[in-house]
Amino acid sequence: MTQAAEQCRSFVEAEFPGVRISRRSCRDTDAGGISQHSAYQPGDYDSNALDIMGGPHGWTWDQNVALIQEIVDRLTPKLHEWSIRKILWQVPPHYGHAHIDFYPMIDIHRWCSTRNVEPPWKYSDGHTERHLDPEPENGEYHGEDTMPKQQWDAMIRSLFAGRPDKFGGDPQYWIDLDPDDSQWETHFWPAFVDAISLEGGTP
């Protein structure tokens, strides 16, 4: 997988609940080229590509097309921020789904979870690097409404410095913590909400 594909998928799923997204497939392209869908690791379902299939099963063709178009329209103005290499939509054979893949791109045929091999990844300038899970070429990004990481890190440090009774411990722990870790839900956000309610505003 790549972090670029994962962060984009997470955004699309949050913004468009019920969307169907196909992610990995151990194959080359129909023309025999390298498929970004083949870039996944054991235990992962994310690869380096997303196929946006439409809404829930049972939707009509027109409903699916309208949803795919809306998603493509949301992503297209921010191709650089998402590290998107290309979006294929309404071109053969991508009429029933939109294909999206990312930089860096896998540069080996059918990697498909091959263990103990760091494959080459190609960047937009043509150079390659070997990684198991490369970062997005253009850095972390989670959507236009998401607080920049530098600002987010500063906010966490400010919270811990200003309210040690609510936010004890080391702020770096939370800065480094995986965004999907359950501790955000069980520990951090309850303290954050409690601090706001006591102060009558942003802590």
N, C-alpha and C. Protein backbone atom coordinates (compact mmCIF):
# COMPACT_ATOMS: atom_id res chain seq x y z
N MET A 1 0.83 -1.19 0.00
CA MET A 1 0.00 0.00 0.00
C MET A 1 0.87 1.24 0.00
N THR A 2 0.27 2.39 -0.23
CA THR A 2 0.94 3.66 -0.02
C THR A 2 0.07 4.53 0.87
N GLN A 3 0.74 5.40 1.59
CA GLN A 3 0.00 6.29 2.48
C GLN A 3 -0.85 7.27 1.69
N ALA A 4 -0.43 7.62 0.49
CA ALA A 4 -1.22 8.54 -0.34
C ALA A 4 -2.59 7.94 -0.66
N ALA A 5 -2.60 6.67 -1.05
CA ALA A 5 -3.88 6.02 -1.37
C ALA A 5 -4.74 5.90 -0.13
N GLU A 6 -4.14 5.55 0.99
CA GLU A 6 -4.91 5.35 2.21
C GLU A 6 -5.53 6.66 2.69
N GLN A 7 -4.78 7.75 2.67
CA GLN A 7 -5.33 9.00 3.18
C GLN A 7 -6.44 9.52 2.26
N CYS A 8 -6.30 9.32 0.96
CA CYS A 8 -7.34 9.77 0.04
C CYS A 8 -8.60 8.92 0.21
N ARG A 9 -8.42 7.61 0.33
CA ARG A 9 -9.59 6.74 0.55
C ARG A 9 -10.33 7.12 1.83
N SER A 10 -9.59 7.38 2.90
CA SER A 10 -10.22 7.74 4.17
C SER A 10 -11.06 9.01 4.02
N PHE A 11 -10.54 9.98 3.28
CA PHE A 11 -11.27 11.22 3.04
C PHE A 11 -12.55 10.96 2.25
N VAL A 12 -12.44 10.19 1.17
CA VAL A 12 -13.61 9.92 0.32
C VAL A 12 -14.68 9.17 1.11
N GLU A 13 -14.28 8.19 1.89
CA GLU A 13 -15.26 7.42 2.66
C GLU A 13 -15.93 8.28 3.73
N ALA A 14 -15.20 9.22 4.31
CA ALA A 14 -15.79 10.11 5.32
C ALA A 14 -16.74 11.12 4.69
N GLU A 15 -16.39 11.61 3.51
CA GLU A 15 -17.19 12.63 2.85
C GLU A 15 -18.39 12.05 2.10
N PHE A 16 -18.29 10.78 1.69
CA PHE A 16 -19.34 10.15 0.90
C PHE A 16 -19.68 8.78 1.50
N PRO A 17 -20.40 8.78 2.62
CA PRO A 17 -20.72 7.51 3.29
C PRO A 17 -21.45 6.55 2.35
N GLY A 18 -21.04 5.29 2.40
CA GLY A 18 -21.67 4.28 1.56
C GLY A 18 -21.00 4.08 0.22
N VAL A 19 -19.99 4.90 -0.09
CA VAL A 19 -19.30 4.75 -1.38
C VAL A 19 -18.61 3.39 -1.44
N ARG A 20 -18.61 2.79 -2.64
CA ARG A 20 -17.91 1.52 -2.85
C ARG A 20 -16.58 1.81 -3.53
N ILE A 21 -15.50 1.28 -2.94
CA ILE A 21 -14.17 1.51 -3.47
C ILE A 21 -13.45 0.17 -3.57
N SER A 22 -13.00 -0.16 -4.78
CA SER A 22 -12.17 -1.35 -4.98
C SER A 22 -10.72 -0.91 -4.95
N ARG A 23 -9.86 -1.71 -4.29
CA ARG A 23 -8.52 -1.20 -4.03
C ARG A 23 -7.40 -2.08 -4.57
N ARG A 24 -7.39 -3.36 -4.27
CA ARG A 24 -6.23 -4.15 -4.65
C ARG A 24 -6.60 -5.28 -5.60
N SER A 25 -5.65 -5.65 -6.43
CA SER A 25 -5.84 -6.76 -7.36
C SER A 25 -4.46 -7.21 -7.84
N CYS A 26 -4.17 -8.50 -7.70
CA CYS A 26 -2.85 -9.02 -8.08
C CYS A 26 -2.84 -9.30 -9.58
N ARG A 27 -2.53 -8.27 -10.36
CA ARG A 27 -2.56 -8.42 -11.82
C ARG A 27 -1.74 -7.30 -12.43
N ASP A 28 -1.44 -7.45 -13.71
CA ASP A 28 -0.95 -6.34 -14.51
C ASP A 28 -2.15 -5.62 -15.13
N THR A 29 -1.90 -4.52 -15.81
CA THR A 29 -2.99 -3.84 -16.51
C THR A 29 -3.44 -4.70 -17.69
N ASP A 30 -4.58 -4.36 -18.25
CA ASP A 30 -5.08 -5.10 -19.41
C ASP A 30 -4.10 -5.07 -20.57
N ALA A 31 -3.31 -4.00 -20.63
CA ALA A 31 -2.32 -3.88 -21.72
C ALA A 31 -0.99 -4.52 -21.37
N GLY A 32 -0.89 -5.09 -20.17
CA GLY A 32 0.35 -5.75 -19.77
C GLY A 32 1.31 -4.87 -19.00
N GLY A 33 0.90 -3.64 -18.68
CA GLY A 33 1.76 -2.75 -17.92
C GLY A 33 1.65 -2.99 -16.42
N ILE A 34 2.40 -2.21 -15.66
CA ILE A 34 2.37 -2.33 -14.20
C ILE A 34 1.06 -1.75 -13.67
N SER A 35 0.36 -2.53 -12.86
CA SER A 35 -0.88 -2.06 -12.25
C SER A 35 -0.61 -1.56 -10.84
N GLN A 36 -1.07 -0.35 -10.56
CA GLN A 36 -0.91 0.19 -9.21
C GLN A 36 -1.79 -0.55 -8.20
N HIS A 37 -2.76 -1.31 -8.68
CA HIS A 37 -3.59 -2.12 -7.78
C HIS A 37 -2.82 -3.30 -7.20
N SER A 38 -1.67 -3.61 -7.77
CA SER A 38 -0.91 -4.77 -7.29
C SER A 38 0.06 -4.40 -6.17
N ALA A 39 0.06 -3.14 -5.75
CA ALA A 39 1.01 -2.68 -4.73
C ALA A 39 0.38 -2.76 -3.36
N TYR A 40 0.41 -3.95 -2.76
CA TYR A 40 -0.13 -4.09 -1.40
C TYR A 40 0.71 -5.07 -0.62
N GLN A 41 0.62 -4.94 0.71
CA GLN A 41 1.39 -5.77 1.62
C GLN A 41 0.50 -6.79 2.31
N PRO A 42 1.09 -7.83 2.91
CA PRO A 42 0.28 -8.83 3.63
C PRO A 42 -0.59 -8.17 4.69
N GLY A 43 -1.85 -8.54 4.70
CA GLY A 43 -2.77 -8.01 5.70
C GLY A 43 -3.44 -6.71 5.33
N ASP A 44 -2.97 -6.05 4.27
CA ASP A 44 -3.57 -4.78 3.84
C ASP A 44 -4.54 -5.01 2.71
N TYR A 45 -5.53 -4.13 2.62
CA TYR A 45 -6.40 -4.14 1.45
C TYR A 45 -6.12 -2.93 0.57
N ASP A 46 -5.49 -1.88 1.14
CA ASP A 46 -5.13 -0.73 0.33
C ASP A 46 -3.95 -1.07 -0.57
N SER A 47 -3.98 -0.53 -1.79
CA SER A 47 -2.86 -0.66 -2.72
C SER A 47 -2.38 0.76 -3.04
N ASN A 48 -1.96 1.00 -4.26
CA ASN A 48 -1.61 2.36 -4.67
C ASN A 48 -2.63 2.92 -5.65
N ALA A 49 -3.82 2.35 -5.64
CA ALA A 49 -4.87 2.82 -6.56
C ALA A 49 -6.24 2.61 -5.93
N LEU A 50 -7.16 3.46 -6.32
CA LEU A 50 -8.56 3.35 -5.92
C LEU A 50 -9.41 3.26 -7.17
N ASP A 51 -10.40 2.37 -7.15
CA ASP A 51 -11.45 2.37 -8.16
C ASP A 51 -12.74 2.77 -7.47
N ILE A 52 -13.23 3.96 -7.79
CA ILE A 52 -14.46 4.47 -7.20
C ILE A 52 -15.62 3.88 -7.99
N MET A 53 -16.39 2.99 -7.36
CA MET A 53 -17.41 2.21 -8.06
C MET A 53 -18.81 2.81 -8.00
N GLY A 54 -19.03 3.76 -7.09
CA GLY A 54 -20.36 4.34 -6.95
C GLY A 54 -20.89 4.15 -5.55
N GLY A 55 -22.23 4.20 -5.43
CA GLY A 55 -22.86 4.09 -4.13
C GLY A 55 -23.16 2.65 -3.75
N PRO A 56 -23.99 2.47 -2.72
CA PRO A 56 -24.30 1.12 -2.24
C PRO A 56 -24.91 0.25 -3.34
N HIS A 57 -24.80 -1.06 -3.16
CA HIS A 57 -25.42 -1.99 -4.09
C HIS A 57 -26.92 -1.70 -4.17
N GLY A 58 -27.45 -1.72 -5.38
CA GLY A 58 -28.85 -1.41 -5.59
C GLY A 58 -29.09 -0.05 -6.21
N TRP A 59 -28.04 0.80 -6.21
CA TRP A 59 -28.18 2.09 -6.86
C TRP A 59 -28.27 1.91 -8.37
N THR A 60 -28.93 2.87 -9.03
CA THR A 60 -29.02 2.84 -10.48
C THR A 60 -27.71 3.31 -11.10
N TRP A 61 -27.56 3.03 -12.39
CA TRP A 61 -26.39 3.50 -13.13
C TRP A 61 -26.23 5.01 -12.99
N ASP A 62 -27.33 5.75 -13.20
CA ASP A 62 -27.26 7.21 -13.14
C ASP A 62 -26.87 7.71 -11.76
N GLN A 63 -27.36 7.06 -10.71
CA GLN A 63 -26.98 7.45 -9.36
C GLN A 63 -25.50 7.23 -9.12
N ASN A 64 -25.01 6.09 -9.57
CA ASN A 64 -23.59 5.79 -9.39
C ASN A 64 -22.71 6.79 -10.16
N VAL A 65 -23.09 7.07 -11.40
CA VAL A 65 -22.31 8.01 -12.22
C VAL A 65 -22.29 9.39 -11.57
N ALA A 66 -23.43 9.82 -11.04
CA ALA A 66 -23.50 11.14 -10.41
C ALA A 66 -22.58 11.21 -9.18
N LEU A 67 -22.56 10.14 -8.38
CA LEU A 67 -21.70 10.12 -7.20
C LEU A 67 -20.23 10.11 -7.60
N ILE A 68 -19.87 9.28 -8.56
CA ILE A 68 -18.47 9.23 -9.01
C ILE A 68 -18.03 10.59 -9.52
N GLN A 69 -18.90 11.25 -10.29
CA GLN A 69 -18.56 12.57 -10.82
C GLN A 69 -18.34 13.57 -9.69
N GLU A 70 -19.19 13.50 -8.67
CA GLU A 70 -19.05 14.42 -7.54
C GLU A 70 -17.71 14.20 -6.83
N ILE A 71 -17.32 12.95 -6.66
CA ILE A 71 -16.05 12.65 -6.00
C ILE A 71 -14.88 13.13 -6.85
N VAL A 72 -14.92 12.86 -8.15
CA VAL A 72 -13.87 13.32 -9.05
C VAL A 72 -13.76 14.85 -9.02
N ASP A 73 -14.90 15.52 -8.99
CA ASP A 73 -14.90 16.98 -8.94
C ASP A 73 -14.28 17.51 -7.64
N ARG A 74 -14.46 16.77 -6.55
CA ARG A 74 -13.87 17.19 -5.28
C ARG A 74 -12.35 17.02 -5.27
N LEU A 75 -11.87 15.96 -5.91
CA LEU A 75 -10.45 15.66 -5.86
C LEU A 75 -9.63 16.42 -6.90
N THR A 76 -10.22 16.68 -8.06
CA THR A 76 -9.46 17.23 -9.18
C THR A 76 -8.76 18.55 -8.88
N PRO A 77 -9.38 19.50 -8.16
CA PRO A 77 -8.66 20.76 -7.89
C PRO A 77 -7.45 20.59 -6.98
N LYS A 78 -7.34 19.43 -6.31
CA LYS A 78 -6.27 19.23 -5.33
C LYS A 78 -5.39 18.05 -5.70
N LEU A 79 -5.16 17.84 -6.99
CA LEU A 79 -4.36 16.69 -7.42
C LEU A 79 -2.98 16.70 -6.77
N HIS A 80 -2.34 17.85 -6.73
CA HIS A 80 -1.00 17.95 -6.16
C HIS A 80 -1.02 17.64 -4.67
N GLU A 81 -1.98 18.22 -3.96
CA GLU A 81 -2.04 18.01 -2.52
C GLU A 81 -2.24 16.54 -2.17
N TRP A 82 -3.07 15.83 -2.99
CA TRP A 82 -3.32 14.42 -2.74
C TRP A 82 -2.22 13.52 -3.32
N SER A 83 -1.24 14.09 -3.98
CA SER A 83 -0.19 13.32 -4.68
C SER A 83 -0.80 12.37 -5.71
N ILE A 84 -1.89 12.81 -6.35
CA ILE A 84 -2.55 11.98 -7.36
C ILE A 84 -1.76 12.05 -8.67
N ARG A 85 -1.47 10.88 -9.22
CA ARG A 85 -0.78 10.80 -10.52
C ARG A 85 -1.77 11.01 -11.65
N LYS A 86 -2.92 10.32 -11.60
CA LYS A 86 -3.92 10.50 -12.65
C LYS A 86 -5.27 10.01 -12.16
N ILE A 87 -6.30 10.58 -12.76
CA ILE A 87 -7.68 10.11 -12.58
C ILE A 87 -8.19 9.73 -13.96
N LEU A 88 -8.64 8.49 -14.10
CA LEU A 88 -9.25 8.03 -15.35
C LEU A 88 -10.74 7.88 -15.13
N TRP A 89 -11.53 8.66 -15.86
CA TRP A 89 -12.98 8.67 -15.69
C TRP A 89 -13.63 9.12 -17.00
N GLN A 90 -14.62 8.36 -17.40
CA GLN A 90 -15.34 8.62 -18.65
C GLN A 90 -14.42 8.48 -19.87
N VAL A 91 -13.43 7.60 -19.75
CA VAL A 91 -12.58 7.22 -20.89
C VAL A 91 -12.48 5.70 -20.87
N PRO A 92 -12.33 5.07 -22.04
CA PRO A 92 -12.27 3.60 -22.06
C PRO A 92 -11.12 3.08 -21.19
N PRO A 93 -11.35 2.04 -20.39
CA PRO A 93 -12.62 1.37 -20.10
C PRO A 93 -13.26 1.86 -18.81
N HIS A 94 -13.04 3.14 -18.46
CA HIS A 94 -13.45 3.65 -17.16
C HIS A 94 -14.74 4.47 -17.27
N TYR A 95 -15.81 3.79 -17.64
CA TYR A 95 -17.12 4.44 -17.68
C TYR A 95 -17.95 4.10 -16.45
N GLY A 96 -17.77 2.88 -15.95
CA GLY A 96 -18.54 2.47 -14.77
C GLY A 96 -17.83 2.72 -13.46
N HIS A 97 -16.58 3.16 -13.53
CA HIS A 97 -15.84 3.48 -12.31
C HIS A 97 -14.73 4.47 -12.66
N ALA A 98 -14.24 5.17 -11.65
CA ALA A 98 -13.12 6.10 -11.81
C ALA A 98 -11.88 5.49 -11.18
N HIS A 99 -10.80 5.46 -11.93
CA HIS A 99 -9.52 4.95 -11.43
C HIS A 99 -8.66 6.12 -10.97
N ILE A 100 -8.09 6.00 -9.78
CA ILE A 100 -7.21 7.03 -9.22
C ILE A 100 -5.95 6.35 -8.72
N ASP A 101 -4.78 6.84 -9.11
CA ASP A 101 -3.55 6.32 -8.51
C ASP A 101 -2.61 7.47 -8.18
N PHE A 102 -1.50 7.15 -7.54
CA PHE A 102 -0.77 8.15 -6.78
C PHE A 102 0.74 8.08 -7.02
N TYR A 103 1.40 9.23 -6.73
CA TYR A 103 2.86 9.28 -6.66
C TYR A 103 3.31 9.17 -5.22
N PRO A 104 4.37 8.36 -4.97
CA PRO A 104 5.12 7.58 -5.94
C PRO A 104 4.31 6.39 -6.43
N MET A 105 4.70 5.85 -7.59
CA MET A 105 3.99 4.72 -8.18
C MET A 105 4.87 3.47 -8.15
N ILE A 106 4.23 2.32 -7.91
CA ILE A 106 4.98 1.06 -7.89
C ILE A 106 5.62 0.86 -9.25
N ASP A 107 6.86 0.39 -9.27
CA ASP A 107 7.60 0.27 -10.53
C ASP A 107 8.10 -1.15 -10.73
N ILE A 108 7.25 -2.12 -10.36
CA ILE A 108 7.58 -3.52 -10.56
C ILE A 108 6.28 -4.27 -10.85
N HIS A 109 6.32 -5.20 -11.75
CA HIS A 109 5.13 -5.95 -12.12
C HIS A 109 4.65 -6.85 -10.97
N ARG A 110 3.39 -6.77 -10.66
CA ARG A 110 2.71 -7.68 -9.74
C ARG A 110 3.51 -7.94 -8.46
N TRP A 111 3.77 -6.86 -7.73
CA TRP A 111 4.46 -7.02 -6.45
C TRP A 111 3.62 -7.89 -5.51
N CYS A 112 2.35 -7.55 -5.36
CA CYS A 112 1.34 -8.42 -4.74
C CYS A 112 1.80 -9.06 -3.43
N SER A 113 2.18 -8.24 -2.49
CA SER A 113 2.49 -8.72 -1.14
C SER A 113 3.77 -9.55 -1.06
N THR A 114 4.63 -9.48 -2.05
CA THR A 114 5.87 -10.25 -1.99
C THR A 114 6.63 -9.88 -0.72
N ARG A 115 6.91 -10.87 0.09
CA ARG A 115 7.56 -10.61 1.37
C ARG A 115 9.07 -10.38 1.19
N ASN A 116 9.60 -9.59 2.14
CA ASN A 116 11.06 -9.38 2.22
C ASN A 116 11.64 -8.73 0.97
N VAL A 117 10.82 -8.02 0.22
CA VAL A 117 11.31 -7.31 -0.95
C VAL A 117 10.83 -5.86 -0.88
N GLU A 118 11.76 -4.91 -0.83
CA GLU A 118 11.40 -3.50 -0.90
C GLU A 118 11.39 -3.12 -2.37
N PRO A 119 10.20 -2.91 -2.94
CA PRO A 119 10.14 -2.66 -4.38
C PRO A 119 10.53 -1.23 -4.74
N PRO A 120 10.85 -1.00 -6.00
CA PRO A 120 11.13 0.37 -6.44
C PRO A 120 9.83 1.16 -6.64
N TRP A 121 9.88 2.42 -6.24
CA TRP A 121 8.75 3.35 -6.43
C TRP A 121 9.25 4.52 -7.26
N LYS A 122 8.49 4.86 -8.28
CA LYS A 122 8.90 5.94 -9.18
C LYS A 122 8.17 7.23 -8.81
N TYR A 123 8.92 8.32 -8.78
CA TYR A 123 8.40 9.64 -8.45
C TYR A 123 8.16 10.45 -9.73
N SER A 124 7.50 11.57 -9.59
CA SER A 124 7.09 12.33 -10.77
C SER A 124 8.29 12.85 -11.57
N ASP A 125 9.43 13.02 -10.91
CA ASP A 125 10.61 13.49 -11.64
C ASP A 125 11.39 12.35 -12.29
N GLY A 126 10.89 11.11 -12.15
CA GLY A 126 11.50 9.97 -12.82
C GLY A 126 12.46 9.16 -11.97
N HIS A 127 12.87 9.67 -10.82
CA HIS A 127 13.79 8.90 -9.99
C HIS A 127 13.03 7.84 -9.20
N THR A 128 13.71 6.80 -8.78
CA THR A 128 13.09 5.73 -8.02
C THR A 128 13.76 5.57 -6.67
N GLU A 129 12.98 5.10 -5.70
CA GLU A 129 13.47 4.77 -4.37
C GLU A 129 12.81 3.47 -3.95
N ARG A 130 13.48 2.74 -3.06
CA ARG A 130 12.91 1.48 -2.57
C ARG A 130 12.32 1.69 -1.17
N HIS A 131 11.04 1.31 -1.05
CA HIS A 131 10.32 1.41 0.22
C HIS A 131 9.32 0.27 0.30
N LEU A 132 8.89 -0.04 1.53
CA LEU A 132 7.75 -0.92 1.69
C LEU A 132 6.45 -0.13 1.70
N ASP A 133 6.46 1.03 2.34
CA ASP A 133 5.25 1.83 2.48
C ASP A 133 5.62 3.31 2.33
N PRO A 134 5.75 3.79 1.09
CA PRO A 134 6.23 5.16 0.88
C PRO A 134 5.21 6.21 1.32
N GLU A 135 5.73 7.34 1.72
CA GLU A 135 4.88 8.48 2.05
C GLU A 135 4.41 9.16 0.76
N PRO A 136 3.32 9.94 0.83
CA PRO A 136 2.88 10.68 -0.36
C PRO A 136 4.00 11.57 -0.88
N GLU A 137 4.13 11.63 -2.19
CA GLU A 137 5.22 12.43 -2.76
C GLU A 137 5.16 13.87 -2.30
N ASN A 138 3.96 14.43 -2.20
CA ASN A 138 3.81 15.84 -1.85
C ASN A 138 3.43 16.05 -0.39
N GLY A 139 3.67 15.05 0.44
CA GLY A 139 3.43 15.21 1.87
C GLY A 139 2.04 14.80 2.30
N GLU A 140 1.86 14.78 3.60
CA GLU A 140 0.59 14.37 4.20
C GLU A 140 -0.49 15.39 3.90
N TYR A 141 -1.67 14.90 3.58
CA TYR A 141 -2.81 15.79 3.28
C TYR A 141 -4.08 15.01 3.54
N HIS A 142 -5.05 15.65 4.19
CA HIS A 142 -6.28 14.95 4.52
C HIS A 142 -7.54 15.71 4.10
N GLY A 143 -7.38 16.67 3.23
CA GLY A 143 -8.55 17.40 2.76
C GLY A 143 -8.43 18.88 3.05
N GLU A 144 -9.15 19.67 2.25
CA GLU A 144 -9.01 21.11 2.34
C GLU A 144 -9.47 21.69 3.67
N ASP A 145 -10.32 20.97 4.39
CA ASP A 145 -10.82 21.47 5.66
C ASP A 145 -10.02 20.97 6.85
N THR A 146 -8.97 20.19 6.60
CA THR A 146 -8.19 19.62 7.68
C THR A 146 -7.10 20.58 8.13
N MET A 147 -6.93 20.69 9.45
CA MET A 147 -5.90 21.55 9.99
C MET A 147 -4.52 21.06 9.55
N PRO A 148 -3.65 21.95 9.03
CA PRO A 148 -2.29 21.52 8.67
C PRO A 148 -1.59 20.88 9.86
N LYS A 149 -0.75 19.89 9.59
CA LYS A 149 -0.13 19.13 10.68
C LYS A 149 0.67 20.03 11.60
N GLN A 150 1.40 21.00 11.05
CA GLN A 150 2.19 21.89 11.89
C GLN A 150 1.30 22.65 12.87
N GLN A 151 0.14 23.12 12.39
CA GLN A 151 -0.80 23.84 13.24
C GLN A 151 -1.42 22.90 14.28
N TRP A 152 -1.74 21.67 13.84
CA TRP A 152 -2.30 20.67 14.74
C TRP A 152 -1.32 20.34 15.86
N ASP A 153 -0.02 20.14 15.52
CA ASP A 153 1.00 19.84 16.52
C ASP A 153 1.11 20.98 17.53
N ALA A 154 1.07 22.23 17.04
CA ALA A 154 1.18 23.38 17.92
C ALA A 154 -0.02 23.46 18.86
N MET A 155 -1.21 23.10 18.35
CA MET A 155 -2.41 23.13 19.19
C MET A 155 -2.30 22.12 20.33
N ILE A 156 -1.81 20.91 20.00
CA ILE A 156 -1.66 19.89 21.04
C ILE A 156 -0.69 20.36 22.12
N ARG A 157 0.44 20.94 21.70
CA ARG A 157 1.42 21.42 22.68
C ARG A 157 0.81 22.52 23.55
N SER A 158 0.01 23.38 22.95
CA SER A 158 -0.62 24.46 23.69
C SER A 158 -1.62 23.91 24.71
N LEU A 159 -2.38 22.90 24.30
CA LEU A 159 -3.35 22.29 25.22
C LEU A 159 -2.64 21.70 26.44
N PHE A 160 -1.56 20.98 26.20
CA PHE A 160 -0.86 20.32 27.30
C PHE A 160 -0.19 21.34 28.22
N ALA A 161 0.28 22.44 27.64
CA ALA A 161 0.94 23.46 28.45
C ALA A 161 -0.07 24.27 29.26
N GLY A 162 -1.25 24.50 28.66
CA GLY A 162 -2.24 25.36 29.30
C GLY A 162 -3.16 24.66 30.28
N ARG A 163 -3.38 23.35 30.11
CA ARG A 163 -4.30 22.62 30.99
C ARG A 163 -3.67 21.31 31.44
N PRO A 164 -2.63 21.38 32.28
CA PRO A 164 -2.00 20.15 32.73
C PRO A 164 -2.93 19.26 33.54
N ASP A 165 -3.99 19.87 34.13
CA ASP A 165 -4.95 19.06 34.89
C ASP A 165 -5.79 18.18 33.98
N LYS A 166 -5.98 18.61 32.74
CA LYS A 166 -6.77 17.83 31.79
C LYS A 166 -5.90 17.03 30.83
N PHE A 167 -4.77 17.62 30.44
CA PHE A 167 -3.91 16.99 29.45
C PHE A 167 -2.54 16.73 30.08
N GLY A 168 -2.43 15.67 30.84
CA GLY A 168 -1.17 15.31 31.46
C GLY A 168 -0.31 14.49 30.52
N GLY A 169 0.95 14.36 30.88
CA GLY A 169 1.83 13.52 30.08
C GLY A 169 2.58 14.31 29.02
N ASP A 170 3.08 13.59 28.05
CA ASP A 170 3.94 14.15 27.01
C ASP A 170 3.13 14.44 25.75
N PRO A 171 3.04 15.69 25.29
CA PRO A 171 2.27 15.98 24.07
C PRO A 171 2.82 15.27 22.84
N GLN A 172 4.15 14.98 22.85
CA GLN A 172 4.74 14.30 21.71
C GLN A 172 4.12 12.93 21.48
N TYR A 173 3.67 12.30 22.56
CA TYR A 173 3.01 10.99 22.44
C TYR A 173 1.81 11.08 21.51
N TRP A 174 1.01 12.15 21.67
CA TRP A 174 -0.19 12.31 20.84
C TRP A 174 0.16 12.79 19.44
N ILE A 175 1.20 13.59 19.33
CA ILE A 175 1.64 14.04 18.02
C ILE A 175 2.07 12.86 17.15
N ASP A 176 2.70 11.88 17.79
CA ASP A 176 3.21 10.72 17.06
C ASP A 176 2.19 9.60 16.93
N LEU A 177 1.06 9.69 17.64
CA LEU A 177 0.09 8.60 17.68
C LEU A 177 -0.65 8.47 16.35
N ASP A 178 -0.88 7.22 15.93
CA ASP A 178 -1.63 6.95 14.71
C ASP A 178 -3.01 7.61 14.80
N PRO A 179 -3.45 8.33 13.76
CA PRO A 179 -4.77 8.99 13.80
C PRO A 179 -5.93 8.03 14.01
N ASP A 180 -5.74 6.75 13.67
CA ASP A 180 -6.81 5.77 13.82
C ASP A 180 -6.79 5.06 15.17
N ASP A 181 -5.84 5.41 16.03
CA ASP A 181 -5.76 4.74 17.33
C ASP A 181 -6.97 5.08 18.18
N SER A 182 -7.52 4.08 18.86
CA SER A 182 -8.74 4.26 19.65
C SER A 182 -8.56 5.19 20.84
N GLN A 183 -7.32 5.47 21.21
CA GLN A 183 -7.08 6.34 22.36
C GLN A 183 -7.56 7.77 22.12
N TRP A 184 -7.60 8.20 20.86
CA TRP A 184 -8.17 9.52 20.58
C TRP A 184 -9.62 9.58 21.06
N GLU A 185 -10.37 8.54 20.76
CA GLU A 185 -11.79 8.51 21.11
C GLU A 185 -12.00 8.32 22.60
N THR A 186 -11.16 7.49 23.22
CA THR A 186 -11.39 7.14 24.62
C THR A 186 -10.76 8.11 25.61
N HIS A 187 -9.68 8.80 25.22
CA HIS A 187 -8.96 9.63 26.18
C HIS A 187 -8.84 11.10 25.77
N PHE A 188 -8.37 11.34 24.54
CA PHE A 188 -8.06 12.72 24.17
C PHE A 188 -9.31 13.58 23.99
N TRP A 189 -10.23 13.12 23.13
CA TRP A 189 -11.40 13.95 22.82
C TRP A 189 -12.31 14.20 24.02
N PRO A 190 -12.53 13.22 24.90
CA PRO A 190 -13.33 13.55 26.11
C PRO A 190 -12.69 14.66 26.94
N ALA A 191 -11.35 14.62 27.08
CA ALA A 191 -10.67 15.68 27.83
C ALA A 191 -10.79 17.01 27.10
N PHE A 192 -10.72 16.98 25.77
CA PHE A 192 -10.82 18.20 24.97
C PHE A 192 -12.20 18.83 25.13
N VAL A 193 -13.25 18.03 25.02
CA VAL A 193 -14.62 18.53 25.16
C VAL A 193 -14.84 19.07 26.56
N ASP A 194 -14.31 18.37 27.57
CA ASP A 194 -14.47 18.81 28.95
C ASP A 194 -13.77 20.15 29.17
N ALA A 195 -12.61 20.32 28.58
CA ALA A 195 -11.89 21.58 28.72
C ALA A 195 -12.64 22.72 28.08
N ILE A 196 -13.24 22.48 26.92
CA ILE A 196 -14.02 23.51 26.25
C ILE A 196 -15.22 23.91 27.09
N SER A 197 -15.91 22.93 27.66
CA SER A 197 -17.12 23.22 28.43
C SER A 197 -16.78 24.02 29.70
N LEU A 198 -15.60 23.77 30.28
CA LEU A 198 -15.21 24.50 31.48
C LEU A 198 -14.83 25.94 31.16
N GLU A 199 -14.21 26.13 29.99
CA GLU A 199 -13.72 27.45 29.62
C GLU A 199 -14.77 28.28 28.88
N GLY A 200 -15.79 27.59 28.36
CA GLY A 200 -16.79 28.27 27.56
C GLY A 200 -16.33 28.59 26.17
N GLY A 201 -15.32 27.88 25.71
CA GLY A 201 -14.80 28.11 24.37
C GLY A 201 -13.60 27.24 24.14
N THR A 202 -12.79 27.61 23.15
CA THR A 202 -11.61 26.82 22.83
C THR A 202 -10.61 26.89 23.96
N PRO A 203 -10.11 25.76 24.46
CA PRO A 203 -9.17 25.80 25.58
C PRO A 203 -7.83 26.40 25.17
